[in-house]
Amino acid sequence: MANIKEIRDRINSVNDTRKITNAMYLISSTKLRKAKKMLTDTEPFFFATQAMISRVVRHLPEGVENIFLESKSDIPDNEKKRGYIVFTDDKGLAGAYNHNVLKLAEENISKNGDNFKLFVIGEVGRFHFLSRNISIEESFMFTSQNPTLHRARKIAAEILDYYDRREIDEFYCIYTTVHGNVCETRYEKLLPLEIITNIRKEHVHTGTMLEEFLMEPSPSAILDNIVPNYITGYIYGALVEAFCSVQSSRMMAMDSANKNAQKMLDALQRTYNRQRQAMITQEITEVASGAKALKRAKQQKARKSRKAPDAKIIDETRRNTVE
């Protein structure tokens, strides 16, 4: 069993760690409120852009050619070149947040053999794939901790460049959303846009009244302007969602760590009190035993001192008798 000094050092160590986890909990709660406000502010733009794309696509004249109107359905699944955009954090201590994202990414990557490209956001994802010798096409470092529109535009520009050059046929996003206190890892198709694909499949009934649209300079130019804005908004929304999720996950992880630390402190304090009580009891026992020993020693000395004169008288009597 550990001695009282070791237990005291352990208590101090747990207390110091709990101070750190509690500070991280408070920081994450502040960042979570900020991230939720950012997410609320982005939703109107995202849904308005989505509605505009739907209206434009529904009123496109016949014969319009644009890369965003291509469904890629003519390419066999085993020949499609897929790009995966994986949203991770720049550091750990967030529970199973990074693990769930990376697990879902690996499950989907394994289905494509070598016919894929990875676009990783966050240091954790980059180190994870590099440690497993999985090649990364592009890595966007230090992005997940501070999502901004500028960073979203940079990521969207890289993705659209690969798509325009037809190096990638389909893009998928793997990120995490938060609903209340529950984080959900999502796997969603980004390009080709499902909105456009579904609308193009719709059959317009005869006699349906459509709005009259004047598209200047051309329908293709309008798509080339609206869709990249939509992709930027989608990437920014995913960044903010991931930021919300990691802060929520970190809050729950730190709260759990604080509760575990309190349980450890209670157990250590009980052990410390028992050890201290045992030490005090032992010291009292040793003092009492020492006092008793001293008392017995004094009694023996007193008895010896009383017997000494009688022995002297007996010696003198023997000497006189001899004489």
C-alpha atoms as a PDB file:
ATOM      1  CA  MET A   1       0.000   0.000   0.000  1.00  0.00           C
ATOM      2  CA  ALA A   2       1.227   3.512  -0.828  1.00  0.00           C
ATOM      3  CA  ASN A   3       2.516   5.596   2.039  1.00  0.00           C
ATOM      4  CA  ILE A   4       0.916   8.857   3.109  1.00  0.00           C
ATOM      5  CA  LYS A   5       3.370  11.038   1.136  1.00  0.00           C
ATOM      6  CA  GLU A   6       2.664   9.179  -2.119  1.00  0.00           C
ATOM      7  CA  ILE A   7      -1.100   9.532  -1.579  1.00  0.00           C
ATOM      8  CA  ARG A   8      -0.730  13.264  -0.888  1.00  0.00           C
ATOM      9  CA  ASP A   9       1.327  13.703  -4.069  1.00  0.00           C
ATOM     10  CA  ARG A  10      -1.303  11.764  -6.026  1.00  0.00           C
ATOM     11  CA  ILE A  11      -4.074  14.010  -4.671  1.00  0.00           C
ATOM     12  CA  ASN A  12      -2.137  17.121  -5.677  1.00  0.00           C
ATOM     13  CA  SER A  13      -1.526  15.680  -9.160  1.00  0.00           C
ATOM     14  CA  VAL A  14      -5.233  14.887  -9.694  1.00  0.00           C
ATOM     15  CA  ASN A  15      -6.187  18.353  -8.459  1.00  0.00           C
ATOM     16  CA  ASP A  16      -3.790  19.984 -10.924  1.00  0.00           C
ATOM     17  CA  THR A  17      -5.163  17.882 -13.794  1.00  0.00           C
ATOM     18  CA  ARG A  18      -8.737  18.722 -12.808  1.00  0.00           C
ATOM     19  CA  LYS A  19      -7.920  22.431 -12.981  1.00  0.00           C
ATOM     20  CA  ILE A  20      -6.771  21.958 -16.595  1.00  0.00           C
ATOM     21  CA  THR A  21      -9.818  19.898 -17.620  1.00  0.00           C
ATOM     22  CA  ASN A  22     -12.165  22.365 -15.956  1.00  0.00           C
ATOM     23  CA  ALA A  23     -10.500  25.273 -17.791  1.00  0.00           C
ATOM     24  CA  MET A  24     -10.826  23.372 -21.096  1.00  0.00           C
ATOM     25  CA  TYR A  25     -14.501  22.752 -20.348  1.00  0.00           C
ATOM     26  CA  LEU A  26     -15.145  26.461 -19.813  1.00  0.00           C
ATOM     27  CA  ILE A  27     -13.194  27.418 -22.971  1.00  0.00           C
ATOM     28  CA  SER A  28     -15.107  24.864 -25.061  1.00  0.00           C
ATOM     29  CA  SER A  29     -18.463  26.082 -23.739  1.00  0.00           C
ATOM     30  CA  THR A  30     -17.576  29.645 -24.752  1.00  0.00           C
ATOM     31  CA  LYS A  31     -16.423  28.539 -28.222  1.00  0.00           C
ATOM     32  CA  LEU A  32     -19.554  26.414 -28.639  1.00  0.00           C
ATOM     33  CA  ARG A  33     -21.838  29.408 -28.070  1.00  0.00           C
ATOM     34  CA  LYS A  34     -19.831  31.389 -30.612  1.00  0.00           C
ATOM     35  CA  ALA A  35     -19.923  28.530 -33.147  1.00  0.00           C
ATOM     36  CA  LYS A  36     -23.693  28.058 -32.781  1.00  0.00           C
ATOM     37  CA  LYS A  37     -24.221  31.728 -33.498  1.00  0.00           C
ATOM     38  CA  MET A  38     -22.011  31.439 -36.599  1.00  0.00           C
ATOM     39  CA  LEU A  39     -24.021  28.426 -37.751  1.00  0.00           C
ATOM     40  CA  THR A  40     -27.311  30.243 -37.267  1.00  0.00           C
ATOM     41  CA  ASP A  41     -25.997  33.193 -39.272  1.00  0.00           C
ATOM     42  CA  THR A  42     -24.950  30.998 -42.224  1.00  0.00           C
ATOM     43  CA  GLU A  43     -28.213  29.065 -42.620  1.00  0.00           C
ATOM     44  CA  PRO A  44     -30.218  31.833 -44.387  1.00  0.00           C
ATOM     45  CA  PHE A  45     -27.534  32.265 -47.068  1.00  0.00           C
ATOM     46  CA  PHE A  46     -27.182  28.512 -47.550  1.00  0.00           C
ATOM     47  CA  PHE A  47     -30.907  27.857 -47.959  1.00  0.00           C
ATOM     48  CA  ALA A  48     -31.412  30.945 -50.149  1.00  0.00           C
ATOM     49  CA  THR A  49     -28.609  29.802 -52.487  1.00  0.00           C
ATOM     50  CA  GLN A  50     -30.061  26.309 -52.570  1.00  0.00           C
ATOM     51  CA  ALA A  51     -33.502  27.692 -53.504  1.00  0.00           C
ATOM     52  CA  MET A  52     -31.968  29.900 -56.218  1.00  0.00           C
ATOM     53  CA  ILE A  53     -30.157  26.935 -57.798  1.00  0.00           C
ATOM     54  CA  SER A  54     -33.412  24.969 -57.812  1.00  0.00           C
ATOM     55  CA  ARG A  55     -35.297  27.801 -59.528  1.00  0.00           C
ATOM     56  CA  VAL A  56     -32.586  28.375 -62.125  1.00  0.00           C
ATOM     57  CA  VAL A  57     -32.239  24.679 -62.990  1.00  0.00           C
ATOM     58  CA  ARG A  58     -36.010  24.248 -63.343  1.00  0.00           C
ATOM     59  CA  HIS A  59     -36.133  27.071 -65.897  1.00  0.00           C
ATOM     60  CA  LEU A  60     -33.066  26.218 -67.921  1.00  0.00           C
ATOM     61  CA  PRO A  61     -33.713  26.119 -71.662  1.00  0.00           C
ATOM     62  CA  GLU A  62     -32.984  22.980 -73.647  1.00  0.00           C
ATOM     63  CA  GLY A  63     -29.455  22.289 -74.811  1.00  0.00           C
ATOM     64  CA  VAL A  64     -27.554  24.091 -72.034  1.00  0.00           C
ATOM     65  CA  GLU A  65     -24.205  22.453 -71.395  1.00  0.00           C
ATOM     66  CA  ASN A  66     -22.373  22.932 -68.146  1.00  0.00           C
ATOM     67  CA  ILE A  67     -20.150  20.735 -66.004  1.00  0.00           C
ATOM     68  CA  PHE A  68     -22.473  21.193 -63.031  1.00  0.00           C
ATOM     69  CA  LEU A  69     -25.372  19.740 -65.019  1.00  0.00           C
ATOM     70  CA  GLU A  70     -23.524  16.473 -65.602  1.00  0.00           C
ATOM     71  CA  SER A  71     -24.742  13.641 -63.368  1.00  0.00           C
ATOM     72  CA  LYS A  72     -21.753  11.322 -64.108  1.00  0.00           C
ATOM     73  CA  SER A  73     -24.251   8.445 -64.246  1.00  0.00           C
ATOM     74  CA  ASP A  74     -22.712   7.194 -67.490  1.00  0.00           C
ATOM     75  CA  ILE A  75     -19.458   6.317 -65.671  1.00  0.00           C
ATOM     76  CA  PRO A  76     -19.409   2.827 -64.066  1.00  0.00           C
ATOM     77  CA  ASP A  77     -19.122   2.906 -60.264  1.00  0.00           C
ATOM     78  CA  ASN A  78     -15.867   0.978 -60.240  1.00  0.00           C
ATOM     79  CA  GLU A  79     -14.292   3.507 -62.626  1.00  0.00           C
ATOM     80  CA  LYS A  80     -15.405   6.713 -60.914  1.00  0.00           C
ATOM     81  CA  LYS A  81     -12.674   8.846 -59.416  1.00  0.00           C
ATOM     82  CA  ARG A  82     -13.872   9.959 -56.005  1.00  0.00           C
ATOM     83  CA  GLY A  83     -12.617  12.682 -53.742  1.00  0.00           C
ATOM     84  CA  TYR A  84     -13.185  12.586 -49.989  1.00  0.00           C
ATOM     85  CA  ILE A  85     -13.148  15.760 -47.911  1.00  0.00           C
ATOM     86  CA  VAL A  86     -12.511  14.675 -44.321  1.00  0.00           C
ATOM     87  CA  PHE A  87     -13.130  17.182 -41.504  1.00  0.00           C
ATOM     88  CA  THR A  88     -11.103  16.454 -38.353  1.00  0.00           C
ATOM     89  CA  ASP A  89      -9.770  18.581 -35.512  1.00  0.00           C
ATOM     90  CA  ASP A  90      -6.279  19.969 -34.982  1.00  0.00           C
ATOM     91  CA  LYS A  91      -5.915  18.293 -31.577  1.00  0.00           C
ATOM     92  CA  GLY A  92      -7.384  15.523 -29.454  1.00  0.00           C
ATOM     93  CA  LEU A  93      -9.061  15.455 -26.027  1.00  0.00           C
ATOM     94  CA  ALA A  94     -12.469  15.464 -27.709  1.00  0.00           C
ATOM     95  CA  GLY A  95     -13.765  12.004 -26.880  1.00  0.00           C
ATOM     96  CA  ALA A  96     -14.574   9.838 -29.906  1.00  0.00           C
ATOM     97  CA  TYR A  97     -15.018  12.800 -32.281  1.00  0.00           C
ATOM     98  CA  ASN A  98     -11.924  12.244 -34.443  1.00  0.00           C
ATOM     99  CA  HIS A  99     -12.150   8.450 -34.181  1.00  0.00           C
ATOM    100  CA  ASN A 100     -15.703   8.360 -35.575  1.00  0.00           C
ATOM    101  CA  VAL A 101     -14.820  10.603 -38.538  1.00  0.00           C
ATOM    102  CA  LEU A 102     -11.679   8.656 -39.426  1.00  0.00           C
ATOM    103  CA  LYS A 103     -13.438   5.312 -39.045  1.00  0.00           C
ATOM    104  CA  LEU A 104     -16.214   6.368 -41.448  1.00  0.00           C
ATOM    105  CA  ALA A 105     -13.638   7.739 -43.895  1.00  0.00           C
ATOM    106  CA  GLU A 106     -11.617   4.508 -43.886  1.00  0.00           C
ATOM    107  CA  GLU A 107     -14.761   2.408 -44.405  1.00  0.00           C
ATOM    108  CA  ASN A 108     -15.626   4.331 -47.577  1.00  0.00           C
ATOM    109  CA  ILE A 109     -12.054   4.613 -48.839  1.00  0.00           C
ATOM    110  CA  SER A 110     -11.594   0.848 -48.610  1.00  0.00           C
ATOM    111  CA  LYS A 111     -14.440   0.356 -51.113  1.00  0.00           C
ATOM    112  CA  ASN A 112     -12.607   2.231 -53.895  1.00  0.00           C
ATOM    113  CA  GLY A 113      -9.215   0.586 -53.966  1.00  0.00           C
ATOM    114  CA  ASP A 114      -6.701   3.189 -55.126  1.00  0.00           C
ATOM    115  CA  ASN A 115      -9.167   5.176 -57.236  1.00  0.00           C
ATOM    116  CA  PHE A 116      -9.655   8.061 -54.788  1.00  0.00           C
ATOM    117  CA  LYS A 117      -8.084  11.288 -53.545  1.00  0.00           C
ATOM    118  CA  LEU A 118      -8.070  12.540 -49.977  1.00  0.00           C
ATOM    119  CA  PHE A 119      -8.600  16.170 -48.973  1.00  0.00           C
ATOM    120  CA  VAL A 120      -8.000  16.382 -45.236  1.00  0.00           C
ATOM    121  CA  ILE A 121      -8.901  19.256 -42.935  1.00  0.00           C
ATOM    122  CA  GLY A 122      -7.216  19.172 -39.512  1.00  0.00           C
ATOM    123  CA  GLU A 123      -3.923  17.939 -38.107  1.00  0.00           C
ATOM    124  CA  VAL A 124      -5.370  14.804 -36.507  1.00  0.00           C
ATOM    125  CA  GLY A 125      -6.602  13.474 -39.848  1.00  0.00           C
ATOM    126  CA  ARG A 126      -3.350  14.315 -41.596  1.00  0.00           C
ATOM    127  CA  PHE A 127      -1.201  12.465 -39.037  1.00  0.00           C
ATOM    128  CA  HIS A 128      -3.633   9.535 -38.988  1.00  0.00           C
ATOM    129  CA  PHE A 129      -3.532   8.875 -42.738  1.00  0.00           C
ATOM    130  CA  LEU A 130       0.206   9.537 -43.055  1.00  0.00           C
ATOM    131  CA  SER A 131       0.916   7.060 -40.249  1.00  0.00           C
ATOM    132  CA  ARG A 132      -0.994   4.424 -42.256  1.00  0.00           C
ATOM    133  CA  ASN A 133       0.779   5.281 -45.530  1.00  0.00           C
ATOM    134  CA  ILE A 134      -2.456   6.526 -47.130  1.00  0.00           C
ATOM    135  CA  SER A 135      -1.619   9.257 -49.618  1.00  0.00           C
ATOM    136  CA  ILE A 136      -3.191  12.686 -49.123  1.00  0.00           C
ATOM    137  CA  GLU A 137      -3.840  14.877 -52.134  1.00  0.00           C
ATOM    138  CA  GLU A 138      -4.383  18.132 -50.219  1.00  0.00           C
ATOM    139  CA  SER A 139      -4.269  18.926 -46.507  1.00  0.00           C
ATOM    140  CA  PHE A 140      -5.694  22.134 -45.065  1.00  0.00           C
ATOM    141  CA  MET A 141      -3.949  22.699 -41.751  1.00  0.00           C
ATOM    142  CA  PHE A 142      -5.107  24.871 -38.847  1.00  0.00           C
ATOM    143  CA  THR A 143      -8.540  25.358 -40.412  1.00  0.00           C
ATOM    144  CA  SER A 144     -10.893  23.506 -38.086  1.00  0.00           C
ATOM    145  CA  GLN A 145     -10.082  25.680 -35.049  1.00  0.00           C
ATOM    146  CA  ASN A 146     -11.173  28.925 -36.672  1.00  0.00           C
ATOM    147  CA  PRO A 147     -13.660  28.469 -39.546  1.00  0.00           C
ATOM    148  CA  THR A 148     -13.893  31.523 -41.780  1.00  0.00           C
ATOM    149  CA  LEU A 149     -15.373  32.267 -45.186  1.00  0.00           C
ATOM    150  CA  HIS A 150     -11.908  32.987 -46.532  1.00  0.00           C
ATOM    151  CA  ARG A 151     -10.737  29.480 -45.634  1.00  0.00           C
ATOM    152  CA  ALA A 152     -13.952  27.980 -46.993  1.00  0.00           C
ATOM    153  CA  ARG A 153     -13.401  29.792 -50.318  1.00  0.00           C
ATOM    154  CA  LYS A 154      -9.848  28.456 -50.492  1.00  0.00           C
ATOM    155  CA  ILE A 155     -10.999  24.867 -49.934  1.00  0.00           C
ATOM    156  CA  ALA A 156     -13.899  25.263 -52.387  1.00  0.00           C
ATOM    157  CA  ALA A 157     -11.570  26.709 -55.038  1.00  0.00           C
ATOM    158  CA  GLU A 158      -9.245  23.696 -54.749  1.00  0.00           C
ATOM    159  CA  ILE A 159     -12.151  21.241 -54.995  1.00  0.00           C
ATOM    160  CA  LEU A 160     -13.757  22.990 -57.962  1.00  0.00           C
ATOM    161  CA  ASP A 161     -10.410  23.111 -59.760  1.00  0.00           C
ATOM    162  CA  TYR A 162     -10.104  19.315 -59.560  1.00  0.00           C
ATOM    163  CA  TYR A 163     -13.739  18.972 -60.670  1.00  0.00           C
ATOM    164  CA  ASP A 164     -13.351  21.367 -63.615  1.00  0.00           C
ATOM    165  CA  ARG A 165     -10.261  19.514 -64.840  1.00  0.00           C
ATOM    166  CA  ARG A 166     -12.263  16.268 -64.529  1.00  0.00           C
ATOM    167  CA  GLU A 167      -9.649  14.718 -62.274  1.00  0.00           C
ATOM    168  CA  ILE A 168     -12.447  13.895 -59.817  1.00  0.00           C
ATOM    169  CA  ASP A 169     -15.899  12.648 -60.832  1.00  0.00           C
ATOM    170  CA  GLU A 170     -17.560  12.794 -57.406  1.00  0.00           C
ATOM    171  CA  PHE A 171     -16.815  14.604 -54.169  1.00  0.00           C
ATOM    172  CA  TYR A 172     -18.006  13.429 -50.755  1.00  0.00           C
ATOM    173  CA  CYS A 173     -17.863  15.201 -47.384  1.00  0.00           C
ATOM    174  CA  ILE A 174     -17.269  13.362 -44.118  1.00  0.00           C
ATOM    175  CA  TYR A 175     -17.912  15.607 -41.139  1.00  0.00           C
ATOM    176  CA  THR A 176     -19.812  15.781 -37.853  1.00  0.00           C
ATOM    177  CA  THR A 177     -22.998  17.612 -36.925  1.00  0.00           C
ATOM    178  CA  VAL A 178     -24.370  18.275 -33.451  1.00  0.00           C
ATOM    179  CA  HIS A 179     -27.992  18.026 -32.353  1.00  0.00           C
ATOM    180  CA  GLY A 180     -28.394  19.037 -28.733  1.00  0.00           C
ATOM    181  CA  ASN A 181     -25.722  17.007 -26.949  1.00  0.00           C
ATOM    182  CA  VAL A 182     -25.548  14.284 -29.600  1.00  0.00           C
ATOM    183  CA  CYS A 183     -22.860  14.374 -32.312  1.00  0.00           C
ATOM    184  CA  GLU A 184     -23.562  12.544 -35.566  1.00  0.00           C
ATOM    185  CA  THR A 185     -20.936  11.701 -38.184  1.00  0.00           C
ATOM    186  CA  ARG A 186     -22.281  12.299 -41.685  1.00  0.00           C
ATOM    187  CA  TYR A 187     -21.286  11.128 -45.150  1.00  0.00           C
ATOM    188  CA  GLU A 188     -22.782  13.355 -47.848  1.00  0.00           C
ATOM    189  CA  LYS A 189     -22.316  13.810 -51.556  1.00  0.00           C
ATOM    190  CA  LEU A 190     -21.136  17.289 -52.540  1.00  0.00           C
ATOM    191  CA  LEU A 191     -20.573  17.049 -56.304  1.00  0.00           C
ATOM    192  CA  PRO A 192     -22.389  16.482 -58.592  1.00  0.00           C
ATOM    193  CA  LEU A 193     -25.091  18.414 -56.732  1.00  0.00           C
ATOM    194  CA  GLU A 194     -27.985  16.209 -55.745  1.00  0.00           C
ATOM    195  CA  ILE A 195     -30.334  19.196 -56.102  1.00  0.00           C
ATOM    196  CA  ILE A 196     -29.529  19.542 -59.799  1.00  0.00           C
ATOM    197  CA  THR A 197     -29.538  15.780 -60.427  1.00  0.00           C
ATOM    198  CA  ASN A 198     -32.960  15.311 -58.817  1.00  0.00           C
ATOM    199  CA  ILE A 199     -34.501  18.295 -60.623  1.00  0.00           C
ATOM    200  CA  ARG A 200     -33.159  17.107 -63.961  1.00  0.00           C
ATOM    201  CA  LYS A 201     -34.840  13.753 -63.366  1.00  0.00           C
ATOM    202  CA  GLU A 202     -38.217  15.374 -62.684  1.00  0.00           C
ATOM    203  CA  HIS A 203     -40.820  15.168 -65.422  1.00  0.00           C
ATOM    204  CA  VAL A 204     -42.561  18.489 -66.120  1.00  0.00           C
ATOM    205  CA  HIS A 205     -46.229  17.837 -66.731  1.00  0.00           C
ATOM    206  CA  THR A 206     -47.914  19.338 -69.752  1.00  0.00           C
ATOM    207  CA  GLY A 207     -49.597  22.637 -68.985  1.00  0.00           C
ATOM    208  CA  THR A 208     -47.435  23.441 -65.966  1.00  0.00           C
ATOM    209  CA  MET A 209     -46.968  27.188 -65.636  1.00  0.00           C
ATOM    210  CA  LEU A 210     -43.339  28.214 -65.196  1.00  0.00           C
ATOM    211  CA  GLU A 211     -41.876  31.568 -64.275  1.00  0.00           C
ATOM    212  CA  GLU A 212     -40.343  33.611 -67.025  1.00  0.00           C
ATOM    213  CA  PHE A 213     -36.602  33.987 -66.515  1.00  0.00           C
ATOM    214  CA  LEU A 214     -34.192  36.241 -68.352  1.00  0.00           C
ATOM    215  CA  MET A 215     -30.702  34.833 -67.845  1.00  0.00           C
ATOM    216  CA  GLU A 216     -27.869  37.202 -68.666  1.00  0.00           C
ATOM    217  CA  PRO A 217     -25.228  36.809 -69.931  1.00  0.00           C
ATOM    218  CA  SER A 218     -26.117  33.096 -70.304  1.00  0.00           C
ATOM    219  CA  PRO A 219     -27.617  30.231 -68.260  1.00  0.00           C
ATOM    220  CA  SER A 220     -24.201  28.517 -68.120  1.00  0.00           C
ATOM    221  CA  ALA A 221     -22.543  31.681 -66.786  1.00  0.00           C
ATOM    222  CA  ILE A 222     -25.199  31.961 -64.073  1.00  0.00           C
ATOM    223  CA  LEU A 223     -24.551  28.378 -62.993  1.00  0.00           C
ATOM    224  CA  ASP A 224     -20.807  29.038 -62.994  1.00  0.00           C
ATOM    225  CA  ASN A 225     -21.454  31.873 -60.559  1.00  0.00           C
ATOM    226  CA  ILE A 226     -24.131  30.409 -58.286  1.00  0.00           C
ATOM    227  CA  VAL A 227     -22.816  26.856 -57.811  1.00  0.00           C
ATOM    228  CA  PRO A 228     -19.320  27.864 -56.569  1.00  0.00           C
ATOM    229  CA  ASN A 229     -21.005  30.181 -54.060  1.00  0.00           C
ATOM    230  CA  TYR A 230     -23.171  27.297 -52.948  1.00  0.00           C
ATOM    231  CA  ILE A 231     -20.127  25.007 -52.608  1.00  0.00           C
ATOM    232  CA  THR A 232     -18.338  27.694 -50.569  1.00  0.00           C
ATOM    233  CA  GLY A 233     -21.379  28.052 -48.324  1.00  0.00           C
ATOM    234  CA  TYR A 234     -21.624  24.287 -47.931  1.00  0.00           C
ATOM    235  CA  ILE A 235     -17.933  23.979 -46.999  1.00  0.00           C
ATOM    236  CA  TYR A 236     -18.234  26.871 -44.548  1.00  0.00           C
ATOM    237  CA  GLY A 237     -21.330  25.304 -43.005  1.00  0.00           C
ATOM    238  CA  ALA A 238     -19.530  21.971 -42.664  1.00  0.00           C
ATOM    239  CA  LEU A 239     -16.552  23.730 -41.041  1.00  0.00           C
ATOM    240  CA  VAL A 240     -18.816  25.465 -38.542  1.00  0.00           C
ATOM    241  CA  GLU A 241     -20.789  22.264 -37.882  1.00  0.00           C
ATOM    242  CA  ALA A 242     -17.536  20.389 -37.273  1.00  0.00           C
ATOM    243  CA  PHE A 243     -16.324  23.203 -35.003  1.00  0.00           C
ATOM    244  CA  CYS A 244     -19.586  23.022 -33.003  1.00  0.00           C
ATOM    245  CA  SER A 245     -19.302  19.247 -32.774  1.00  0.00           C
ATOM    246  CA  VAL A 246     -15.717  19.194 -31.559  1.00  0.00           C
ATOM    247  CA  GLN A 247     -16.450  21.801 -28.880  1.00  0.00           C
ATOM    248  CA  SER A 248     -19.511  19.847 -27.745  1.00  0.00           C
ATOM    249  CA  SER A 249     -17.492  16.604 -27.720  1.00  0.00           C
ATOM    250  CA  ARG A 250     -14.673  18.270 -25.805  1.00  0.00           C
ATOM    251  CA  MET A 251     -17.126  19.704 -23.280  1.00  0.00           C
ATOM    252  CA  MET A 252     -18.604  16.251 -22.641  1.00  0.00           C
ATOM    253  CA  ALA A 253     -15.130  14.678 -22.450  1.00  0.00           C
ATOM    254  CA  MET A 254     -13.884  17.307 -19.997  1.00  0.00           C
ATOM    255  CA  ASP A 255     -17.070  17.057 -17.928  1.00  0.00           C
ATOM    256  CA  SER A 256     -16.574  13.297 -17.721  1.00  0.00           C
ATOM    257  CA  ALA A 257     -12.917  13.855 -16.792  1.00  0.00           C
ATOM    258  CA  ASN A 258     -13.948  16.271 -14.017  1.00  0.00           C
ATOM    259  CA  LYS A 259     -16.428  13.748 -12.598  1.00  0.00           C
ATOM    260  CA  ASN A 260     -13.846  10.952 -12.732  1.00  0.00           C
ATOM    261  CA  ALA A 261     -11.296  13.200 -11.058  1.00  0.00           C
ATOM    262  CA  GLN A 262     -13.747  13.908  -8.238  1.00  0.00           C
ATOM    263  CA  LYS A 263     -14.337  10.179  -7.763  1.00  0.00           C
ATOM    264  CA  MET A 264     -10.577   9.579  -7.668  1.00  0.00           C
ATOM    265  CA  LEU A 265     -10.116  12.396  -5.165  1.00  0.00           C
ATOM    266  CA  ASP A 266     -12.838  10.986  -2.899  1.00  0.00           C
ATOM    267  CA  ALA A 267     -11.237   7.533  -2.964  1.00  0.00           C
ATOM    268  CA  LEU A 268      -7.742   8.952  -2.413  1.00  0.00           C
ATOM    269  CA  GLN A 269      -8.972  11.160   0.425  1.00  0.00           C
ATOM    270  CA  ARG A 270     -10.537   8.177   2.183  1.00  0.00           C
ATOM    271  CA  THR A 271      -7.306   6.198   1.764  1.00  0.00           C
ATOM    272  CA  TYR A 272      -5.309   9.199   2.974  1.00  0.00           C
ATOM    273  CA  ASN A 273      -7.525   9.577   6.072  1.00  0.00           C
ATOM    274  CA  ARG A 274      -7.224   5.861   6.884  1.00  0.00           C
ATOM    275  CA  GLN A 275      -3.451   5.963   6.460  1.00  0.00           C
ATOM    276  CA  ARG A 276      -3.195   9.130   8.552  1.00  0.00           C
ATOM    277  CA  GLN A 277      -5.411   7.665  11.266  1.00  0.00           C
ATOM    278  CA  ALA A 278      -3.328   4.482  11.278  1.00  0.00           C
ATOM    279  CA  MET A 279      -0.136   6.535  11.534  1.00  0.00           C
ATOM    280  CA  ILE A 280      -1.537   8.603  14.416  1.00  0.00           C
ATOM    281  CA  THR A 281      -2.694   5.445  16.186  1.00  0.00           C
ATOM    282  CA  GLN A 282       0.736   3.885  15.717  1.00  0.00           C
ATOM    283  CA  GLU A 283       2.442   7.011  17.101  1.00  0.00           C
ATOM    284  CA  ILE A 284       0.137   7.050  20.135  1.00  0.00           C
ATOM    285  CA  THR A 285       0.811   3.347  20.700  1.00  0.00           C
ATOM    286  CA  GLU A 286       4.577   3.914  20.467  1.00  0.00           C
ATOM    287  CA  VAL A 287       4.412   6.856  22.913  1.00  0.00           C
ATOM    288  CA  ALA A 288       2.303   4.841  25.369  1.00  0.00           C
ATOM    289  CA  SER A 289       4.648   1.870  25.062  1.00  0.00           C
ATOM    290  CA  GLY A 290       7.668   4.122  25.626  1.00  0.00           C
ATOM    291  CA  ALA A 291       6.057   5.695  28.672  1.00  0.00           C
ATOM    292  CA  LYS A 292       5.328   2.271  30.125  1.00  0.00           C
ATOM    293  CA  ALA A 293       8.903   1.158  29.482  1.00  0.00           C
ATOM    294  CA  LEU A 294      10.287   4.245  31.211  1.00  0.00           C
ATOM    295  CA  LYS A 295       7.981   3.678  34.150  1.00  0.00           C
ATOM    296  CA  ARG A 296       9.115   0.068  34.497  1.00  0.00           C
ATOM    297  CA  ALA A 297      12.758   1.151  34.278  1.00  0.00           C
ATOM    298  CA  LYS A 298      12.260   3.707  37.034  1.00  0.00           C
ATOM    299  CA  GLN A 299      10.538   1.112  39.234  1.00  0.00           C
ATOM    300  CA  GLN A 300      13.348  -1.377  38.744  1.00  0.00           C
ATOM    301  CA  LYS A 301      15.939   1.296  39.581  1.00  0.00           C
ATOM    302  CA  ALA A 302      14.040   2.253  42.724  1.00  0.00           C
ATOM    303  CA  ARG A 303      13.885  -1.377  43.855  1.00  0.00           C
ATOM    304  CA  LYS A 304      17.621  -1.792  43.293  1.00  0.00           C
ATOM    305  CA  SER A 305      18.362   1.364  45.279  1.00  0.00           C
ATOM    306  CA  ARG A 306      16.291   0.033  48.260  1.00  0.00           C
ATOM    307  CA  LYS A 307      18.067  -3.324  48.256  1.00  0.00           C
ATOM    308  CA  ALA A 308      21.598  -1.832  48.138  1.00  0.00           C
ATOM    309  CA  PRO A 309      21.875  -0.787  51.946  1.00  0.00           C
ATOM    310  CA  ASP A 310      20.658  -4.193  53.137  1.00  0.00           C
ATOM    311  CA  ALA A 311      23.358  -5.896  51.097  1.00  0.00           C
ATOM    312  CA  LYS A 312      26.026  -3.608  52.629  1.00  0.00           C
ATOM    313  CA  ILE A 313      24.932  -4.443  56.198  1.00  0.00           C
ATOM    314  CA  ILE A 314      25.080  -8.179  55.451  1.00  0.00           C
ATOM    315  CA  ASP A 315      28.625  -7.817  54.086  1.00  0.00           C
ATOM    316  CA  GLU A 316      29.816  -5.957  57.225  1.00  0.00           C
ATOM    317  CA  THR A 317      28.237  -8.585  59.526  1.00  0.00           C
ATOM    318  CA  ARG A 318      30.040 -11.358  57.665  1.00  0.00           C
ATOM    319  CA  ARG A 319      33.339  -9.468  57.948  1.00  0.00           C
ATOM    320  CA  ASN A 320      32.950  -8.955  61.753  1.00  0.00           C
ATOM    321  CA  THR A 321      32.093 -12.636  62.274  1.00  0.00           C
ATOM    322  CA  VAL A 322      35.220 -13.732  60.500  1.00  0.00           C
ATOM    323  CA  GLU A 323      37.368 -11.461  62.622  1.00  0.00           C
END
